[in-house]
């Protein structure tokens, strides 16, 4: 009788494992949430979340100077400059996101709108492009590169 109980318990545990793996979010879903949380953090000036999923040696090409930021400290300074420019950031909204994820690297392309009121009181609205490179380290996706750009007139 005890043997039957043991078999039932093992079968039950295997079923739990199988159902858990089928409900685990895909890499694409994890990355989508990471990018959406980052955009929301910008709207709320939440530095902890903005900086939370970055590789320590990340780099960024941004629209305003500097031409390139090469580490977390330089990256944070670009956000200081961004937030100092605005009285209020009204939107930092993703309109389109495409994710291509392999087992260790991923590329995300984003179209978004940034709108706000500048320190002088002028409204500013920008449609911008963003490309993000990620690397999976110890099971966690980290942003290794951001490239922001505006369409040329």
C-alpha atoms as a PDB file:
ATOM      1  CA  UNK A   1       0.000   0.000   0.000  1.00  0.00           C
ATOM      2  CA  UNK A   2       2.837   2.412   0.781  1.00  0.00           C
ATOM      3  CA  UNK A   3       4.326   1.777  -2.676  1.00  0.00           C
ATOM      4  CA  UNK A   4       1.117   3.037  -4.325  1.00  0.00           C
ATOM      5  CA  UNK A   5       1.178   6.187  -2.219  1.00  0.00           C
ATOM      6  CA  UNK A   6       4.788   6.867  -3.248  1.00  0.00           C
ATOM      7  CA  UNK A   7       3.972   6.408  -6.951  1.00  0.00           C
ATOM      8  CA  UNK A   8       0.987   8.748  -6.698  1.00  0.00           C
ATOM      9  CA  UNK A   9       3.110  11.379  -4.987  1.00  0.00           C
ATOM     10  CA  UNK A  10       5.814  11.239  -7.692  1.00  0.00           C
ATOM     11  CA  UNK A  11       3.227  11.459 -10.466  1.00  0.00           C
ATOM     12  CA  UNK A  12       1.614  14.418  -8.762  1.00  0.00           C
ATOM     13  CA  UNK A  13       4.946  16.226  -8.448  1.00  0.00           C
ATOM     14  CA  UNK A  14       5.802  15.599 -12.112  1.00  0.00           C
ATOM     15  CA  UNK A  15       2.464  17.086 -13.124  1.00  0.00           C
ATOM     16  CA  UNK A  16       3.208  20.171 -11.025  1.00  0.00           C
ATOM     17  CA  UNK A  17       6.605  20.554 -12.718  1.00  0.00           C
ATOM     18  CA  UNK A  18       5.152  20.169 -16.189  1.00  0.00           C
ATOM     19  CA  UNK A  19       2.399  22.712 -15.580  1.00  0.00           C
ATOM     20  CA  UNK A  20       4.875  25.167 -14.025  1.00  0.00           C
ATOM     21  CA  UNK A  21       7.127  25.065 -17.101  1.00  0.00           C
ATOM     22  CA  UNK A  22       4.192  25.731 -19.422  1.00  0.00           C
ATOM     23  CA  UNK A  23       3.198  28.842 -17.452  1.00  0.00           C
ATOM     24  CA  UNK A  24       6.729  30.262 -17.234  1.00  0.00           C
ATOM     25  CA  UNK A  25       6.915  33.487 -19.233  1.00  0.00           C
ATOM     26  CA  UNK A  26       8.809  33.348 -22.511  1.00  0.00           C
ATOM     27  CA  UNK A  27      11.979  35.382 -22.974  1.00  0.00           C
ATOM     28  CA  UNK A  28      10.005  37.707 -25.248  1.00  0.00           C
ATOM     29  CA  UNK A  29       7.397  38.294 -22.517  1.00  0.00           C
ATOM     30  CA  UNK A  30      10.088  38.943 -19.882  1.00  0.00           C
ATOM     31  CA  UNK A  31      11.852  41.410 -22.187  1.00  0.00           C
ATOM     32  CA  UNK A  32       8.582  43.152 -23.113  1.00  0.00           C
ATOM     33  CA  UNK A  33       7.781  43.658 -19.418  1.00  0.00           C
ATOM     34  CA  UNK A  34      11.321  44.895 -18.732  1.00  0.00           C
ATOM     35  CA  UNK A  35      11.053  47.547 -21.500  1.00  0.00           C
ATOM     36  CA  UNK A  36       7.500  48.576 -20.562  1.00  0.00           C
ATOM     37  CA  UNK A  37       8.529  48.938 -16.895  1.00  0.00           C
ATOM     38  CA  UNK A  38      11.536  51.029 -17.974  1.00  0.00           C
ATOM     39  CA  UNK A  39       9.312  53.391 -20.018  1.00  0.00           C
ATOM     40  CA  UNK A  40       6.882  53.740 -17.116  1.00  0.00           C
ATOM     41  CA  UNK A  41       9.795  54.469 -14.768  1.00  0.00           C
ATOM     42  CA  UNK A  42      10.852  57.361 -17.017  1.00  0.00           C
ATOM     43  CA  UNK A  43       7.356  58.871 -16.744  1.00  0.00           C
ATOM     44  CA  UNK A  44       7.632  58.731 -12.936  1.00  0.00           C
ATOM     45  CA  UNK A  45      11.327  59.726 -12.744  1.00  0.00           C
ATOM     46  CA  UNK A  46      12.055  56.412 -10.993  1.00  0.00           C
ATOM     47  CA  UNK A  47      15.837  56.099 -11.260  1.00  0.00           C
ATOM     48  CA  UNK A  48      15.957  52.740  -9.452  1.00  0.00           C
ATOM     49  CA  UNK A  49      13.814  51.075 -12.115  1.00  0.00           C
ATOM     50  CA  UNK A  50      15.432  52.979 -14.998  1.00  0.00           C
ATOM     51  CA  UNK A  51      18.837  51.656 -13.919  1.00  0.00           C
ATOM     52  CA  UNK A  52      17.740  48.238 -12.645  1.00  0.00           C
ATOM     53  CA  UNK A  53      18.312  45.968 -15.665  1.00  0.00           C
ATOM     54  CA  UNK A  54      21.482  47.413 -17.113  1.00  0.00           C
ATOM     55  CA  UNK A  55      24.802  45.731 -17.652  1.00  0.00           C
ATOM     56  CA  UNK A  56      27.573  47.515 -15.741  1.00  0.00           C
ATOM     57  CA  UNK A  57      29.434  48.049 -19.028  1.00  0.00           C
ATOM     58  CA  UNK A  58      26.415  49.139 -21.045  1.00  0.00           C
ATOM     59  CA  UNK A  59      26.710  51.820 -23.715  1.00  0.00           C
ATOM     60  CA  UNK A  60      24.236  54.234 -25.241  1.00  0.00           C
ATOM     61  CA  UNK A  61      24.002  56.398 -28.346  1.00  0.00           C
ATOM     62  CA  UNK A  62      21.528  59.179 -27.575  1.00  0.00           C
ATOM     63  CA  UNK A  63      19.963  62.046 -29.525  1.00  0.00           C
ATOM     64  CA  UNK A  64      21.455  64.912 -27.472  1.00  0.00           C
ATOM     65  CA  UNK A  65      25.143  65.062 -26.500  1.00  0.00           C
ATOM     66  CA  UNK A  66      27.205  63.249 -25.505  1.00  0.00           C
ATOM     67  CA  UNK A  67      27.687  61.148 -28.610  1.00  0.00           C
ATOM     68  CA  UNK A  68      28.181  58.009 -26.506  1.00  0.00           C
ATOM     69  CA  UNK A  69      27.745  57.052 -22.865  1.00  0.00           C
ATOM     70  CA  UNK A  70      29.951  54.116 -21.849  1.00  0.00           C
ATOM     71  CA  UNK A  71      28.976  53.062 -18.322  1.00  0.00           C
ATOM     72  CA  UNK A  72      26.189  53.256 -15.750  1.00  0.00           C
ATOM     73  CA  UNK A  73      27.393  56.586 -14.308  1.00  0.00           C
ATOM     74  CA  UNK A  74      27.467  58.224 -17.744  1.00  0.00           C
ATOM     75  CA  UNK A  75      24.079  56.693 -18.582  1.00  0.00           C
ATOM     76  CA  UNK A  76      22.547  58.077 -15.373  1.00  0.00           C
ATOM     77  CA  UNK A  77      23.909  61.545 -16.204  1.00  0.00           C
ATOM     78  CA  UNK A  78      21.957  61.493 -19.489  1.00  0.00           C
ATOM     79  CA  UNK A  79      18.762  60.977 -17.477  1.00  0.00           C
ATOM     80  CA  UNK A  80      19.743  63.819 -15.125  1.00  0.00           C
ATOM     81  CA  UNK A  81      20.031  66.056 -18.207  1.00  0.00           C
ATOM     82  CA  UNK A  82      16.731  64.754 -19.605  1.00  0.00           C
ATOM     83  CA  UNK A  83      14.799  65.349 -16.382  1.00  0.00           C
ATOM     84  CA  UNK A  84      16.409  68.790 -15.840  1.00  0.00           C
ATOM     85  CA  UNK A  85      15.128  69.846 -19.280  1.00  0.00           C
ATOM     86  CA  UNK A  86      11.467  69.228 -18.419  1.00  0.00           C
ATOM     87  CA  UNK A  87       9.101  70.704 -15.862  1.00  0.00           C
ATOM     88  CA  UNK A  88       7.049  67.602 -16.443  1.00  0.00           C
ATOM     89  CA  UNK A  89       7.307  64.514 -18.637  1.00  0.00           C
ATOM     90  CA  UNK A  90       3.768  63.963 -19.889  1.00  0.00           C
ATOM     91  CA  UNK A  91       4.371  60.862 -21.931  1.00  0.00           C
ATOM     92  CA  UNK A  92       7.087  58.384 -22.712  1.00  0.00           C
ATOM     93  CA  UNK A  93       4.879  55.917 -24.515  1.00  0.00           C
ATOM     94  CA  UNK A  94       5.670  52.897 -26.635  1.00  0.00           C
ATOM     95  CA  UNK A  95       3.584  52.688 -29.798  1.00  0.00           C
ATOM     96  CA  UNK A  96       5.288  49.667 -31.349  1.00  0.00           C
ATOM     97  CA  UNK A  97       7.734  47.067 -30.054  1.00  0.00           C
ATOM     98  CA  UNK A  98       9.393  44.179 -31.898  1.00  0.00           C
ATOM     99  CA  UNK A  99      11.467  41.628 -29.994  1.00  0.00           C
ATOM    100  CA  UNK A 100      13.873  39.077 -31.440  1.00  0.00           C
ATOM    101  CA  UNK A 101      15.295  36.886 -28.686  1.00  0.00           C
ATOM    102  CA  UNK A 102      17.777  34.047 -28.879  1.00  0.00           C
ATOM    103  CA  UNK A 103      18.944  32.000 -25.927  1.00  0.00           C
ATOM    104  CA  UNK A 104      21.533  34.590 -24.784  1.00  0.00           C
ATOM    105  CA  UNK A 105      21.083  37.763 -26.846  1.00  0.00           C
ATOM    106  CA  UNK A 106      18.098  39.817 -27.913  1.00  0.00           C
ATOM    107  CA  UNK A 107      17.324  42.869 -30.018  1.00  0.00           C
ATOM    108  CA  UNK A 108      14.344  45.104 -29.357  1.00  0.00           C
ATOM    109  CA  UNK A 109      13.195  47.838 -31.728  1.00  0.00           C
ATOM    110  CA  UNK A 110      10.743  50.410 -30.442  1.00  0.00           C
ATOM    111  CA  UNK A 111       8.804  53.346 -31.807  1.00  0.00           C
ATOM    112  CA  UNK A 112       7.730  55.751 -29.106  1.00  0.00           C
ATOM    113  CA  UNK A 113       6.519  59.242 -28.295  1.00  0.00           C
ATOM    114  CA  UNK A 114       8.058  61.543 -25.743  1.00  0.00           C
ATOM    115  CA  UNK A 115       6.089  64.645 -24.795  1.00  0.00           C
ATOM    116  CA  UNK A 116       6.496  67.126 -22.011  1.00  0.00           C
ATOM    117  CA  UNK A 117       6.684  70.731 -20.910  1.00  0.00           C
ATOM    118  CA  UNK A 118      10.186  72.179 -20.993  1.00  0.00           C
ATOM    119  CA  UNK A 119      11.554  74.394 -18.218  1.00  0.00           C
ATOM    120  CA  UNK A 120      10.761  77.521 -20.268  1.00  0.00           C
ATOM    121  CA  UNK A 121       7.114  76.459 -20.588  1.00  0.00           C
ATOM    122  CA  UNK A 122       7.207  75.249 -24.202  1.00  0.00           C
ATOM    123  CA  UNK A 123       5.516  71.992 -25.078  1.00  0.00           C
ATOM    124  CA  UNK A 124       7.743  69.478 -26.818  1.00  0.00           C
ATOM    125  CA  UNK A 125       6.621  66.314 -28.600  1.00  0.00           C
ATOM    126  CA  UNK A 126       9.035  63.894 -30.226  1.00  0.00           C
ATOM    127  CA  UNK A 127       8.466  60.675 -32.112  1.00  0.00           C
ATOM    128  CA  UNK A 128      11.601  58.639 -31.659  1.00  0.00           C
ATOM    129  CA  UNK A 129      13.179  55.303 -32.434  1.00  0.00           C
ATOM    130  CA  UNK A 130      14.944  53.099 -29.972  1.00  0.00           C
ATOM    131  CA  UNK A 131      17.032  49.975 -30.488  1.00  0.00           C
ATOM    132  CA  UNK A 132      17.997  47.970 -27.415  1.00  0.00           C
ATOM    133  CA  UNK A 133      20.506  45.130 -27.224  1.00  0.00           C
ATOM    134  CA  UNK A 134      20.249  42.674 -24.328  1.00  0.00           C
ATOM    135  CA  UNK A 135      22.365  39.817 -23.018  1.00  0.00           C
ATOM    136  CA  UNK A 136      21.111  37.049 -20.739  1.00  0.00           C
ATOM    137  CA  UNK A 137      23.443  36.641 -17.757  1.00  0.00           C
ATOM    138  CA  UNK A 138      22.740  34.003 -15.079  1.00  0.00           C
ATOM    139  CA  UNK A 139      19.128  33.802 -16.267  1.00  0.00           C
ATOM    140  CA  UNK A 140      18.499  37.574 -16.203  1.00  0.00           C
ATOM    141  CA  UNK A 141      18.148  39.817 -19.236  1.00  0.00           C
ATOM    142  CA  UNK A 142      20.415  42.877 -19.013  1.00  0.00           C
ATOM    143  CA  UNK A 143      20.460  45.855 -21.352  1.00  0.00           C
ATOM    144  CA  UNK A 144      23.908  46.180 -22.905  1.00  0.00           C
ATOM    145  CA  UNK A 145      23.184  48.896 -25.460  1.00  0.00           C
ATOM    146  CA  UNK A 146      20.563  51.552 -26.245  1.00  0.00           C
ATOM    147  CA  UNK A 147      20.451  53.587 -29.428  1.00  0.00           C
ATOM    148  CA  UNK A 148      17.973  56.486 -29.526  1.00  0.00           C
ATOM    149  CA  UNK A 149      17.342  58.351 -32.767  1.00  0.00           C
ATOM    150  CA  UNK A 150      15.010  60.858 -34.372  1.00  0.00           C
ATOM    151  CA  UNK A 151      13.892  60.790 -38.006  1.00  0.00           C
ATOM    152  CA  UNK A 152      15.922  63.203 -40.155  1.00  0.00           C
ATOM    153  CA  UNK A 153      13.931  66.013 -41.732  1.00  0.00           C
END
